[in-house]
Amino acid sequence: MPRRRLGDVLKAAREESGLTLREVEARTGVKNAHVSQLENNVITKPDPAMLFALAELYGLDYYELLELAGYGERQNTPGRERQRMSVALRTMGELSPKEQNQVLDFIARLKRGDGG
């Protein structure tokens, strides 16, 4: 069985969702030309934060996309930690100040062992 390619997965997901390249750009901020290059396997190892935005829009498994992009297995390696931090910081930037404070409070509770 041939290995699935990132671009093929992304294109199929976009088509299933009924979105145009321009609609994807409007919803994620990823330029439509860049999405096209991803879908055509011209770009095979995009920024992890970009993959996160596309995974979120299409309802795909983010870690599966990372693997298809060649970022390795689902391990907590130093590189994986940097990727996760990049995604977390980007996501935090998309939240309102109130939501950011709620996230920080939640993290503080987790660190104290108070749970969620």
PDB file of N, CA and C in Angstrom:
ATOM      1  N   MET A   1       0.855  -1.182   0.000  1.00  0.00           N
ATOM      2  CA  MET A   1       0.000   0.000   0.000  1.00  0.00           C
ATOM      3  C   MET A   1       0.896   1.239   0.000  1.00  0.00           C
ATOM      4  N   PRO A   2       0.662   2.179  -0.915  1.00  0.00           N
ATOM      5  CA  PRO A   2       1.510   3.375  -0.959  1.00  0.00           C
ATOM      6  C   PRO A   2       1.318   4.248   0.278  1.00  0.00           C
ATOM      7  N   ARG A   3       2.404   4.891   0.658  1.00  0.00           N
ATOM      8  CA  ARG A   3       2.377   5.780   1.821  1.00  0.00           C
ATOM      9  C   ARG A   3       1.508   6.997   1.516  1.00  0.00           C
ATOM     10  N   ARG A   4       0.670   7.362   2.483  1.00  0.00           N
ATOM     11  CA  ARG A   4      -0.158   8.564   2.306  1.00  0.00           C
ATOM     12  C   ARG A   4       0.746   9.786   2.351  1.00  0.00           C
ATOM     13  N   ARG A   5       0.451  10.755   1.528  1.00  0.00           N
ATOM     14  CA  ARG A   5       1.234  11.989   1.509  1.00  0.00           C
ATOM     15  C   ARG A   5       0.409  13.109   2.117  1.00  0.00           C
ATOM     16  N   LEU A   6       1.118  14.016   2.772  1.00  0.00           N
ATOM     17  CA  LEU A   6       0.483  15.137   3.458  1.00  0.00           C
ATOM     18  C   LEU A   6      -0.441  15.910   2.528  1.00  0.00           C
ATOM     19  N   GLY A   7       0.056  16.267   1.374  1.00  0.00           N
ATOM     20  CA  GLY A   7      -0.734  17.066   0.435  1.00  0.00           C
ATOM     21  C   GLY A   7      -2.023  16.392   0.027  1.00  0.00           C
ATOM     22  N   ASP A   8      -1.958  15.078  -0.194  1.00  0.00           N
ATOM     23  CA  ASP A   8      -3.151  14.333  -0.592  1.00  0.00           C
ATOM     24  C   ASP A   8      -4.200  14.340   0.516  1.00  0.00           C
ATOM     25  N   VAL A   9      -3.732  14.191   1.757  1.00  0.00           N
ATOM     26  CA  VAL A   9      -4.643  14.200   2.909  1.00  0.00           C
ATOM     27  C   VAL A   9      -5.292  15.573   3.055  1.00  0.00           C
ATOM     28  N   LEU A  10      -4.488  16.627   2.934  1.00  0.00           N
ATOM     29  CA  LEU A  10      -5.020  17.989   3.081  1.00  0.00           C
ATOM     30  C   LEU A  10      -6.009  18.332   1.970  1.00  0.00           C
ATOM     31  N   LYS A  11      -5.670  17.953   0.741  1.00  0.00           N
ATOM     32  CA  LYS A  11      -6.564  18.258  -0.376  1.00  0.00           C
ATOM     33  C   LYS A  11      -7.890  17.518  -0.227  1.00  0.00           C
ATOM     34  N   ALA A  12      -7.822  16.239   0.133  1.00  0.00           N
ATOM     35  CA  ALA A  12      -9.051  15.460   0.312  1.00  0.00           C
ATOM     36  C   ALA A  12      -9.914  16.065   1.423  1.00  0.00           C
ATOM     37  N   ALA A  13      -9.279  16.491   2.506  1.00  0.00           N
ATOM     38  CA  ALA A  13     -10.023  17.080   3.620  1.00  0.00           C
ATOM     39  C   ALA A  13     -10.675  18.394   3.209  1.00  0.00           C
ATOM     40  N   ARG A  14      -9.944  19.211   2.455  1.00  0.00           N
ATOM     41  CA  ARG A  14     -10.519  20.492   2.007  1.00  0.00           C
ATOM     42  C   ARG A  14     -11.707  20.242   1.086  1.00  0.00           C
ATOM     43  N   GLU A  15     -11.537  19.317   0.149  1.00  0.00           N
ATOM     44  CA  GLU A  15     -12.624  19.026  -0.789  1.00  0.00           C
ATOM     45  C   GLU A  15     -13.837  18.443  -0.069  1.00  0.00           C
ATOM     46  N   GLU A  16     -13.582  17.561   0.918  1.00  0.00           N
ATOM     47  CA  GLU A  16     -14.691  17.000   1.705  1.00  0.00           C
ATOM     48  C   GLU A  16     -15.449  18.084   2.455  1.00  0.00           C
ATOM     49  N   SER A  17     -14.720  19.093   2.905  1.00  0.00           N
ATOM     50  CA  SER A  17     -15.365  20.172   3.653  1.00  0.00           C
ATOM     51  C   SER A  17     -16.058  21.167   2.730  1.00  0.00           C
ATOM     52  N   GLY A  18     -15.827  21.055   1.431  1.00  0.00           N
ATOM     53  CA  GLY A  18     -16.474  21.943   0.466  1.00  0.00           C
ATOM     54  C   GLY A  18     -15.898  23.346   0.445  1.00  0.00           C
ATOM     55  N   LEU A  19     -14.657  23.499   0.904  1.00  0.00           N
ATOM     56  CA  LEU A  19     -14.033  24.817   0.969  1.00  0.00           C
ATOM     57  C   LEU A  19     -13.145  25.071  -0.237  1.00  0.00           C
ATOM     58  N   THR A  20     -13.130  26.324  -0.676  1.00  0.00           N
ATOM     59  CA  THR A  20     -12.182  26.730  -1.712  1.00  0.00           C
ATOM     60  C   THR A  20     -10.874  27.117  -1.039  1.00  0.00           C
ATOM     61  N   LEU A  21      -9.830  27.258  -1.847  1.00  0.00           N
ATOM     62  CA  LEU A  21      -8.542  27.693  -1.314  1.00  0.00           C
ATOM     63  C   LEU A  21      -8.664  29.060  -0.643  1.00  0.00           C
ATOM     64  N   ARG A  22      -9.423  29.947  -1.238  1.00  0.00           N
ATOM     65  CA  ARG A  22      -9.599  31.287  -0.669  1.00  0.00           C
ATOM     66  C   ARG A  22     -10.373  31.243   0.652  1.00  0.00           C
ATOM     67  N   GLU A  23     -11.324  30.340   0.757  1.00  0.00           N
ATOM     68  CA  GLU A  23     -12.058  30.199   2.019  1.00  0.00           C
ATOM     69  C   GLU A  23     -11.140  29.671   3.126  1.00  0.00           C
ATOM     70  N   VAL A  24     -10.257  28.750   2.767  1.00  0.00           N
ATOM     71  CA  VAL A  24      -9.288  28.244   3.744  1.00  0.00           C
ATOM     72  C   VAL A  24      -8.399  29.389   4.213  1.00  0.00           C
ATOM     73  N   GLU A  25      -7.953  30.218   3.281  1.00  0.00           N
ATOM     74  CA  GLU A  25      -7.123  31.376   3.634  1.00  0.00           C
ATOM     75  C   GLU A  25      -7.869  32.308   4.584  1.00  0.00           C
ATOM     76  N   ALA A  26      -9.123  32.580   4.280  1.00  0.00           N
ATOM     77  CA  ALA A  26      -9.910  33.486   5.115  1.00  0.00           C
ATOM     78  C   ALA A  26     -10.091  32.942   6.530  1.00  0.00           C
ATOM     79  N   ARG A  27     -10.209  31.641   6.669  1.00  0.00           N
ATOM     80  CA  ARG A  27     -10.475  31.031   7.982  1.00  0.00           C
ATOM     81  C   ARG A  27      -9.216  30.746   8.797  1.00  0.00           C
ATOM     82  N   THR A  28      -8.069  30.575   8.096  1.00  0.00           N
ATOM     83  CA  THR A  28      -6.854  30.179   8.815  1.00  0.00           C
ATOM     84  C   THR A  28      -5.735  31.216   8.754  1.00  0.00           C
ATOM     85  N   GLY A  29      -5.796  32.109   7.761  1.00  0.00           N
ATOM     86  CA  GLY A  29      -4.704  33.054   7.576  1.00  0.00           C
ATOM     87  C   GLY A  29      -3.567  32.478   6.749  1.00  0.00           C
ATOM     88  N   VAL A  30      -3.672  31.214   6.349  1.00  0.00           N
ATOM     89  CA  VAL A  30      -2.658  30.590   5.500  1.00  0.00           C
ATOM     90  C   VAL A  30      -2.975  30.977   4.052  1.00  0.00           C
ATOM     91  N   LYS A  31      -2.034  31.596   3.383  1.00  0.00           N
ATOM     92  CA  LYS A  31      -2.254  32.072   2.007  1.00  0.00           C
ATOM     93  C   LYS A  31      -2.716  30.932   1.109  1.00  0.00           C
ATOM     94  N   ASN A  32      -3.668  31.226   0.218  1.00  0.00           N
ATOM     95  CA  ASN A  32      -4.224  30.177  -0.633  1.00  0.00           C
ATOM     96  C   ASN A  32      -3.170  29.555  -1.545  1.00  0.00           C
ATOM     97  N   ALA A  33      -2.194  30.326  -1.980  1.00  0.00           N
ATOM     98  CA  ALA A  33      -1.118  29.778  -2.809  1.00  0.00           C
ATOM     99  C   ALA A  33      -0.288  28.768  -2.014  1.00  0.00           C
ATOM    100  N   HIS A  34      -0.103  29.068  -0.743  1.00  0.00           N
ATOM    101  CA  HIS A  34       0.655  28.161   0.126  1.00  0.00           C
ATOM    102  C   HIS A  34      -0.120  26.858   0.330  1.00  0.00           C
ATOM    103  N   VAL A  35      -1.430  26.973   0.539  1.00  0.00           N
ATOM    104  CA  VAL A  35      -2.270  25.780   0.702  1.00  0.00           C
ATOM    105  C   VAL A  35      -2.202  24.939  -0.571  1.00  0.00           C
ATOM    106  N   SER A  36      -2.254  25.588  -1.725  1.00  0.00           N
ATOM    107  CA  SER A  36      -2.164  24.885  -3.004  1.00  0.00           C
ATOM    108  C   SER A  36      -0.839  24.140  -3.134  1.00  0.00           C
ATOM    109  N   GLN A  37       0.256  24.787  -2.737  1.00  0.00           N
ATOM    110  CA  GLN A  37       1.562  24.132  -2.799  1.00  0.00           C
ATOM    111  C   GLN A  37       1.624  22.937  -1.842  1.00  0.00           C
ATOM    112  N   LEU A  38       0.997  23.064  -0.692  1.00  0.00           N
ATOM    113  CA  LEU A  38       0.924  21.935   0.241  1.00  0.00           C
ATOM    114  C   LEU A  38       0.148  20.776  -0.383  1.00  0.00           C
ATOM    115  N   GLU A  39      -1.012  21.101  -0.936  1.00  0.00           N
ATOM    116  CA  GLU A  39      -1.872  20.067  -1.515  1.00  0.00           C
ATOM    117  C   GLU A  39      -1.218  19.359  -2.698  1.00  0.00           C
ATOM    118  N   ASN A  40      -0.361  20.065  -3.420  1.00  0.00           N
ATOM    119  CA  ASN A  40       0.316  19.485  -4.580  1.00  0.00           C
ATOM    120  C   ASN A  40       1.682  18.912  -4.228  1.00  0.00           C
ATOM    121  N   ASN A  41       1.953  18.800  -2.928  1.00  0.00           N
ATOM    122  CA  ASN A  41       3.189  18.211  -2.417  1.00  0.00           C
ATOM    123  C   ASN A  41       4.445  18.930  -2.889  1.00  0.00           C
ATOM    124  N   VAL A  42       4.309  20.224  -3.192  1.00  0.00           N
ATOM    125  CA  VAL A  42       5.468  21.055  -3.500  1.00  0.00           C
ATOM    126  C   VAL A  42       6.172  21.398  -2.183  1.00  0.00           C
ATOM    127  N   ILE A  43       5.368  21.758  -1.185  1.00  0.00           N
ATOM    128  CA  ILE A  43       5.865  21.973   0.180  1.00  0.00           C
ATOM    129  C   ILE A  43       5.472  20.732   0.970  1.00  0.00           C
ATOM    130  N   THR A  44       6.463  20.045   1.529  1.00  0.00           N
ATOM    131  CA  THR A  44       6.171  18.796   2.228  1.00  0.00           C
ATOM    132  C   THR A  44       6.384  18.873   3.737  1.00  0.00           C
ATOM    133  N   LYS A  45       7.071  19.927   4.208  1.00  0.00           N
ATOM    134  CA  LYS A  45       7.320  20.052   5.644  1.00  0.00           C
ATOM    135  C   LYS A  45       7.000  21.480   6.094  1.00  0.00           C
ATOM    136  N   PRO A  46       5.702  21.811   6.161  1.00  0.00           N
ATOM    137  CA  PRO A  46       5.297  23.159   6.556  1.00  0.00           C
ATOM    138  C   PRO A  46       5.490  23.404   8.046  1.00  0.00           C
ATOM    139  N   ASP A  47       5.366  24.647   8.436  1.00  0.00           N
ATOM    140  CA  ASP A  47       5.449  25.039   9.838  1.00  0.00           C
ATOM    141  C   ASP A  47       4.380  24.300  10.642  1.00  0.00           C
ATOM    142  N   PRO A  48       4.738  23.760  11.807  1.00  0.00           N
ATOM    143  CA  PRO A  48       3.763  23.037  12.628  1.00  0.00           C
ATOM    144  C   PRO A  48       2.532  23.872  13.007  1.00  0.00           C
ATOM    145  N   ALA A  49       2.717  25.163  13.222  1.00  0.00           N
ATOM    146  CA  ALA A  49       1.567  26.006  13.569  1.00  0.00           C
ATOM    147  C   ALA A  49       0.574  26.073  12.405  1.00  0.00           C
ATOM    148  N   MET A  50       1.094  26.066  11.185  1.00  0.00           N
ATOM    149  CA  MET A  50       0.226  26.061  10.006  1.00  0.00           C
ATOM    150  C   MET A  50      -0.555  24.746   9.947  1.00  0.00           C
ATOM    151  N   LEU A  51       0.131  23.649  10.221  1.00  0.00           N
ATOM    152  CA  LEU A  51      -0.551  22.357  10.229  1.00  0.00           C
ATOM    153  C   LEU A  51      -1.633  22.320  11.297  1.00  0.00           C
ATOM    154  N   PHE A  52      -1.364  22.950  12.434  1.00  0.00           N
ATOM    155  CA  PHE A  52      -2.358  22.993  13.497  1.00  0.00           C
ATOM    156  C   PHE A  52      -3.618  23.717  13.018  1.00  0.00           C
ATOM    157  N   ALA A  53      -3.432  24.855  12.347  1.00  0.00           N
ATOM    158  CA  ALA A  53      -4.581  25.627  11.860  1.00  0.00           C
ATOM    159  C   ALA A  53      -5.395  24.810  10.859  1.00  0.00           C
ATOM    160  N   LEU A  54      -4.711  24.107   9.959  1.00  0.00           N
ATOM    161  CA  LEU A  54      -5.420  23.301   8.963  1.00  0.00           C
ATOM    162  C   LEU A  54      -6.099  22.092   9.616  1.00  0.00           C
ATOM    163  N   ALA A  55      -5.417  21.457  10.561  1.00  0.00           N
ATOM    164  CA  ALA A  55      -6.012  20.315  11.260  1.00  0.00           C
ATOM    165  C   ALA A  55      -7.284  20.734  11.984  1.00  0.00           C
ATOM    166  N   GLU A  56      -7.210  21.889  12.625  1.00  0.00           N
ATOM    167  CA  GLU A  56      -8.365  22.395  13.357  1.00  0.00           C
ATOM    168  C   GLU A  56      -9.531  22.685  12.409  1.00  0.00           C
ATOM    169  N   LEU A  57      -9.243  23.324  11.284  1.00  0.00           N
ATOM    170  CA  LEU A  57     -10.293  23.659  10.316  1.00  0.00           C
ATOM    171  C   LEU A  57     -10.926  22.412   9.720  1.00  0.00           C
ATOM    172  N   TYR A  58     -10.105  21.438   9.356  1.00  0.00           N
ATOM    173  CA  TYR A  58     -10.604  20.242   8.673  1.00  0.00           C
ATOM    174  C   TYR A  58     -11.051  19.130   9.620  1.00  0.00           C
ATOM    175  N   GLY A  59     -10.779  19.293  10.918  1.00  0.00           N
ATOM    176  CA  GLY A  59     -11.117  18.229  11.860  1.00  0.00           C
ATOM    177  C   GLY A  59     -10.199  17.023  11.729  1.00  0.00           C
ATOM    178  N   LEU A  60      -8.928  17.270  11.406  1.00  0.00           N
ATOM    179  CA  LEU A  60      -7.948  16.200  11.259  1.00  0.00           C
ATOM    180  C   LEU A  60      -7.095  16.071  12.513  1.00  0.00           C
ATOM    181  N   ASP A  61      -6.449  14.924  12.659  1.00  0.00           N
ATOM    182  CA  ASP A  61      -5.545  14.678  13.778  1.00  0.00           C
ATOM    183  C   ASP A  61      -4.246  15.434  13.530  1.00  0.00           C
ATOM    184  N   TYR A  62      -3.957  16.402  14.383  1.00  0.00           N
ATOM    185  CA  TYR A  62      -2.762  17.243  14.233  1.00  0.00           C
ATOM    186  C   TYR A  62      -1.489  16.411  14.240  1.00  0.00           C
ATOM    187  N   TYR A  63      -1.399  15.443  15.135  1.00  0.00           N
ATOM    188  CA  TYR A  63      -0.176  14.653  15.249  1.00  0.00           C
ATOM    189  C   TYR A  63       0.029  13.757  14.030  1.00  0.00           C
ATOM    190  N   GLU A  64      -1.060  13.306  13.428  1.00  0.00           N
ATOM    191  CA  GLU A  64      -0.940  12.535  12.190  1.00  0.00           C
ATOM    192  C   GLU A  64      -0.369  13.424  11.076  1.00  0.00           C
ATOM    193  N   LEU A  65      -0.840  14.666  11.007  1.00  0.00           N
ATOM    194  CA  LEU A  65      -0.298  15.581  10.003  1.00  0.00           C
ATOM    195  C   LEU A  65       1.187  15.840  10.246  1.00  0.00           C
ATOM    196  N   LEU A  66       1.572  15.995  11.510  1.00  0.00           N
ATOM    197  CA  LEU A  66       2.997  16.183  11.826  1.00  0.00           C
ATOM    198  C   LEU A  66       3.818  14.997  11.335  1.00  0.00           C
ATOM    199  N   GLU A  67       3.313  13.797  11.559  1.00  0.00           N
ATOM    200  CA  GLU A  67       4.022  12.602  11.110  1.00  0.00           C
ATOM    201  C   GLU A  67       4.133  12.570   9.591  1.00  0.00           C
ATOM    202  N   LEU A  68       3.041  12.890   8.899  1.00  0.00           N
ATOM    203  CA  LEU A  68       3.067  12.898   7.434  1.00  0.00           C
ATOM    204  C   LEU A  68       4.038  13.948   6.902  1.00  0.00           C
ATOM    205  N   ALA A  69       4.231  15.025   7.664  1.00  0.00           N
ATOM    206  CA  ALA A  69       5.153  16.085   7.256  1.00  0.00           C
ATOM    207  C   ALA A  69       6.602  15.738   7.605  1.00  0.00           C
ATOM    208  N   GLY A  70       6.805  14.599   8.243  1.00  0.00           N
ATOM    209  CA  GLY A  70       8.166  14.176   8.537  1.00  0.00           C
ATOM    210  C   GLY A  70       8.717  14.672   9.852  1.00  0.00           C
ATOM    211  N   TYR A  71       7.835  15.086  10.756  1.00  0.00           N
ATOM    212  CA  TYR A  71       8.297  15.549  12.054  1.00  0.00           C
ATOM    213  C   TYR A  71       8.493  14.409  13.044  1.00  0.00           C
ATOM    214  N   GLY A  72       8.323  13.160  12.601  1.00  0.00           N
ATOM    215  CA  GLY A  72       8.620  12.024  13.463  1.00  0.00           C
ATOM    216  C   GLY A  72       7.401  11.440  14.128  1.00  0.00           C
ATOM    217  N   GLU A  73       7.699  10.455  14.949  1.00  0.00           N
ATOM    218  CA  GLU A  73       6.653   9.732  15.683  1.00  0.00           C
ATOM    219  C   GLU A  73       6.081  10.607  16.787  1.00  0.00           C
ATOM    220  N   ARG A  74       5.009  10.143  17.393  1.00  0.00           N
ATOM    221  CA  ARG A  74       4.372  10.843  18.515  1.00  0.00           C
ATOM    222  C   ARG A  74       5.202  10.657  19.770  1.00  0.00           C
ATOM    223  N   GLN A  75       6.291  11.369  19.845  1.00  0.00           N
ATOM    224  CA  GLN A  75       7.171  11.288  20.996  1.00  0.00           C
ATOM    225  C   GLN A  75       7.361  12.679  21.554  1.00  0.00           C
ATOM    226  N   ASN A  76       7.767  12.748  22.790  1.00  0.00           N
ATOM    227  CA  ASN A  76       8.056  14.038  23.403  1.00  0.00           C
ATOM    228  C   ASN A  76       9.547  14.318  23.335  1.00  0.00           C
ATOM    229  N   THR A  77      10.039  14.511  22.113  1.00  0.00           N
ATOM    230  CA  THR A  77      11.437  14.853  21.897  1.00  0.00           C
ATOM    231  C   THR A  77      11.577  16.353  22.054  1.00  0.00           C
ATOM    232  N   PRO A  78      12.811  16.867  22.207  1.00  0.00           N
ATOM    233  CA  PRO A  78      12.970  18.326  22.300  1.00  0.00           C
ATOM    234  C   PRO A  78      12.333  19.066  21.112  1.00  0.00           C
ATOM    235  N   GLY A  79      12.470  18.529  19.914  1.00  0.00           N
ATOM    236  CA  GLY A  79      11.850  19.161  18.745  1.00  0.00           C
ATOM    237  C   GLY A  79      10.341  19.165  18.845  1.00  0.00           C
ATOM    238  N   ARG A  80       9.791  18.070  19.342  1.00  0.00           N
ATOM    239  CA  ARG A  80       8.331  17.961  19.504  1.00  0.00           C
ATOM    240  C   ARG A  80       7.847  18.981  20.531  1.00  0.00           C
ATOM    241  N   GLU A  81       8.628  19.152  21.600  1.00  0.00           N
ATOM    242  CA  GLU A  81       8.244  20.126  22.618  1.00  0.00           C
ATOM    243  C   GLU A  81       8.229  21.540  22.039  1.00  0.00           C
ATOM    244  N   ARG A  82       9.213  21.875  21.216  1.00  0.00           N
ATOM    245  CA  ARG A  82       9.235  23.208  20.578  1.00  0.00           C
ATOM    246  C   ARG A  82       8.023  23.387  19.676  1.00  0.00           C
ATOM    247  N   GLN A  83       7.665  22.336  18.932  1.00  0.00           N
ATOM    248  CA  GLN A  83       6.496  22.408  18.051  1.00  0.00           C
ATOM    249  C   GLN A  83       5.235  22.641  18.867  1.00  0.00           C
ATOM    250  N   ARG A  84       5.111  21.907  19.954  1.00  0.00           N
ATOM    251  CA  ARG A  84       3.925  22.048  20.798  1.00  0.00           C
ATOM    252  C   ARG A  84       3.851  23.444  21.398  1.00  0.00           C
ATOM    253  N   MET A  85       4.993  23.971  21.818  1.00  0.00           N
ATOM    254  CA  MET A  85       5.022  25.322  22.377  1.00  0.00           C
ATOM    255  C   MET A  85       4.628  26.349  21.320  1.00  0.00           C
ATOM    256  N   SER A  86       5.124  26.160  20.099  1.00  0.00           N
ATOM    257  CA  SER A  86       4.789  27.078  19.005  1.00  0.00           C
ATOM    258  C   SER A  86       3.282  27.107  18.774  1.00  0.00           C
ATOM    259  N   VAL A  87       2.684  25.941  18.741  1.00  0.00           N
ATOM    260  CA  VAL A  87       1.232  25.843  18.543  1.00  0.00           C
ATOM    261  C   VAL A  87       0.496  26.462  19.724  1.00  0.00           C
ATOM    262  N   ALA A  88       0.958  26.178  20.934  1.00  0.00           N
ATOM    263  CA  ALA A  88       0.300  26.716  22.126  1.00  0.00           C
ATOM    264  C   ALA A  88       0.354  28.240  22.147  1.00  0.00           C
ATOM    265  N   LEU A  89       1.510  28.796  21.821  1.00  0.00           N
ATOM    266  CA  LEU A  89       1.638  30.257  21.831  1.00  0.00           C
ATOM    267  C   LEU A  89       0.780  30.896  20.752  1.00  0.00           C
ATOM    268  N   ARG A  90       0.734  30.281  19.582  1.00  0.00           N
ATOM    269  CA  ARG A  90      -0.109  30.824  18.515  1.00  0.00           C
ATOM    270  C   ARG A  90      -1.578  30.797  18.939  1.00  0.00           C
ATOM    271  N   THR A  91      -1.975  29.703  19.539  1.00  0.00           N
ATOM    272  CA  THR A  91      -3.355  29.570  19.986  1.00  0.00           C
ATOM    273  C   THR A  91      -3.675  30.580  21.076  1.00  0.00           C
ATOM    274  N   MET A  92      -2.754  30.762  22.017  1.00  0.00           N
ATOM    275  CA  MET A  92      -2.964  31.754  23.078  1.00  0.00           C
ATOM    276  C   MET A  92      -3.172  33.139  22.485  1.00  0.00           C
ATOM    277  N   GLY A  93      -2.431  33.456  21.429  1.00  0.00           N
ATOM    278  CA  GLY A  93      -2.556  34.758  20.791  1.00  0.00           C
ATOM    279  C   GLY A  93      -3.912  34.992  20.158  1.00  0.00           C
ATOM    280  N   GLU A  94      -4.628  33.905  19.881  1.00  0.00           N
ATOM    281  CA  GLU A  94      -5.949  34.016  19.254  1.00  0.00           C
ATOM    282  C   GLU A  94      -7.064  34.155  20.291  1.00  0.00           C
ATOM    283  N   LEU A  95      -6.713  34.030  21.566  1.00  0.00           N
ATOM    284  CA  LEU A  95      -7.714  34.125  22.627  1.00  0.00           C
ATOM    285  C   LEU A  95      -7.866  35.565  23.117  1.00  0.00           C
ATOM    286  N   SER A  96      -9.001  35.845  23.704  1.00  0.00           N
ATOM    287  CA  SER A  96      -9.211  37.147  24.326  1.00  0.00           C
ATOM    288  C   SER A  96      -8.361  37.218  25.594  1.00  0.00           C
ATOM    289  N   PRO A  97      -8.105  38.422  26.114  1.00  0.00           N
ATOM    290  CA  PRO A  97      -7.350  38.523  27.368  1.00  0.00           C
ATOM    291  C   PRO A  97      -7.986  37.715  28.504  1.00  0.00           C
ATOM    292  N   LYS A  98      -9.308  37.721  28.581  1.00  0.00           N
ATOM    293  CA  LYS A  98      -9.997  36.956  29.633  1.00  0.00           C
ATOM    294  C   LYS A  98      -9.740  35.462  29.459  1.00  0.00           C
ATOM    295  N   GLU A  99      -9.836  34.972  28.218  1.00  0.00           N
ATOM    296  CA  GLU A  99      -9.589  33.555  27.955  1.00  0.00           C
ATOM    297  C   GLU A  99      -8.132  33.186  28.241  1.00  0.00           C
ATOM    298  N   GLN A 100      -7.208  34.086  27.915  1.00  0.00           N
ATOM    299  CA  GLN A 100      -5.796  33.835  28.201  1.00  0.00           C
ATOM    300  C   GLN A 100      -5.585  33.671  29.703  1.00  0.00           C
ATOM    301  N   ASN A 101      -6.217  34.523  30.494  1.00  0.00           N
ATOM    302  CA  ASN A 101      -6.102  34.416  31.949  1.00  0.00           C
ATOM    303  C   ASN A 101      -6.684  33.101  32.458  1.00  0.00           C
ATOM    304  N   GLN A 102      -7.783  32.658  31.864  1.00  0.00           N
ATOM    305  CA  GLN A 102      -8.383  31.387  32.264  1.00  0.00           C
ATOM    306  C   GLN A 102      -7.430  30.226  31.975  1.00  0.00           C
ATOM    307  N   VAL A 103      -6.776  30.281  30.820  1.00  0.00           N
ATOM    308  CA  VAL A 103      -5.815  29.230  30.464  1.00  0.00           C
ATOM    309  C   VAL A 103      -4.651  29.239  31.449  1.00  0.00           C
ATOM    310  N   LEU A 104      -4.128  30.420  31.755  1.00  0.00           N
ATOM    311  CA  LEU A 104      -3.010  30.517  32.687  1.00  0.00           C
ATOM    312  C   LEU A 104      -3.402  30.029  34.083  1.00  0.00           C
ATOM    313  N   ASP A 105      -4.613  30.344  34.520  1.00  0.00           N
ATOM    314  CA  ASP A 105      -5.101  29.849  35.807  1.00  0.00           C
ATOM    315  C   ASP A 105      -5.194  28.324  35.799  1.00  0.00           C
ATOM    316  N   PHE A 106      -5.676  27.775  34.698  1.00  0.00           N
ATOM    317  CA  PHE A 106      -5.783  26.325  34.564  1.00  0.00           C
ATOM    318  C   PHE A 106      -4.402  25.672  34.643  1.00  0.00           C
ATOM    319  N   ILE A 107      -3.428  26.241  33.943  1.00  0.00           N
ATOM    320  CA  ILE A 107      -2.061  25.709  33.965  1.00  0.00           C
ATOM    321  C   ILE A 107      -1.497  25.767  35.380  1.00  0.00           C
ATOM    322  N   ALA A 108      -1.729  26.868  36.069  1.00  0.00           N
ATOM    323  CA  ALA A 108      -1.245  26.999  37.445  1.00  0.00           C
ATOM    324  C   ALA A 108      -1.853  25.919  38.334  1.00  0.00           C
ATOM    325  N   ARG A 109      -3.159  25.628  38.172  1.00  0.00           N
ATOM    326  CA  ARG A 109      -3.813  24.573  38.954  1.00  0.00           C
ATOM    327  C   ARG A 109      -3.203  23.208  38.645  1.00  0.00           C
ATOM    328  N   LEU A 110      -2.921  22.959  37.368  1.00  0.00           N
ATOM    329  CA  LEU A 110      -2.303  21.683  36.988  1.00  0.00           C
ATOM    330  C   LEU A 110      -0.937  21.525  37.637  1.00  0.00           C
ATOM    331  N   LYS A 111      -0.154  22.596  37.625  1.00  0.00           N
ATOM    332  CA  LYS A 111       1.186  22.537  38.217  1.00  0.00           C
ATOM    333  C   LYS A 111       1.114  22.290  39.722  1.00  0.00           C
ATOM    334  N   ARG A 112       0.102  22.840  40.373  1.00  0.00           N
ATOM    335  CA  ARG A 112      -0.059  22.637  41.818  1.00  0.00           C
ATOM    336  C   ARG A 112      -0.615  21.253  42.133  1.00  0.00           C
ATOM    337  N   GLY A 113      -1.118  20.569  41.108  1.00  0.00           N
ATOM    338  CA  GLY A 113      -1.713  19.250  41.321  1.00  0.00           C
ATOM    339  C   GLY A 113      -3.173  19.307  41.672  1.00  0.00           C
ATOM    340  N   ASP A 114      -3.789  20.482  41.427  1.00  0.00           N
ATOM    341  CA  ASP A 114      -5.217  20.649  41.725  1.00  0.00           C
ATOM    342  C   ASP A 114      -6.106  20.068  40.628  1.00  0.00           C
ATOM    343  N   GLY A 115      -5.501  19.589  39.544  1.00  0.00           N
ATOM    344  CA  GLY A 115      -6.282  19.068  38.427  1.00  0.00           C
ATOM    345  C   GLY A 115      -6.912  20.154  37.605  1.00  0.00           C
ATOM    346  N   GLY A 116      -7.867  19.789  36.784  1.00  0.00           N
ATOM    347  CA  GLY A 116      -8.490  20.755  35.895  1.00  0.00           C
ATOM    348  C   GLY A 116      -9.816  21.057  36.341  1.00  0.00           C
TER     349      GLY A 116
END
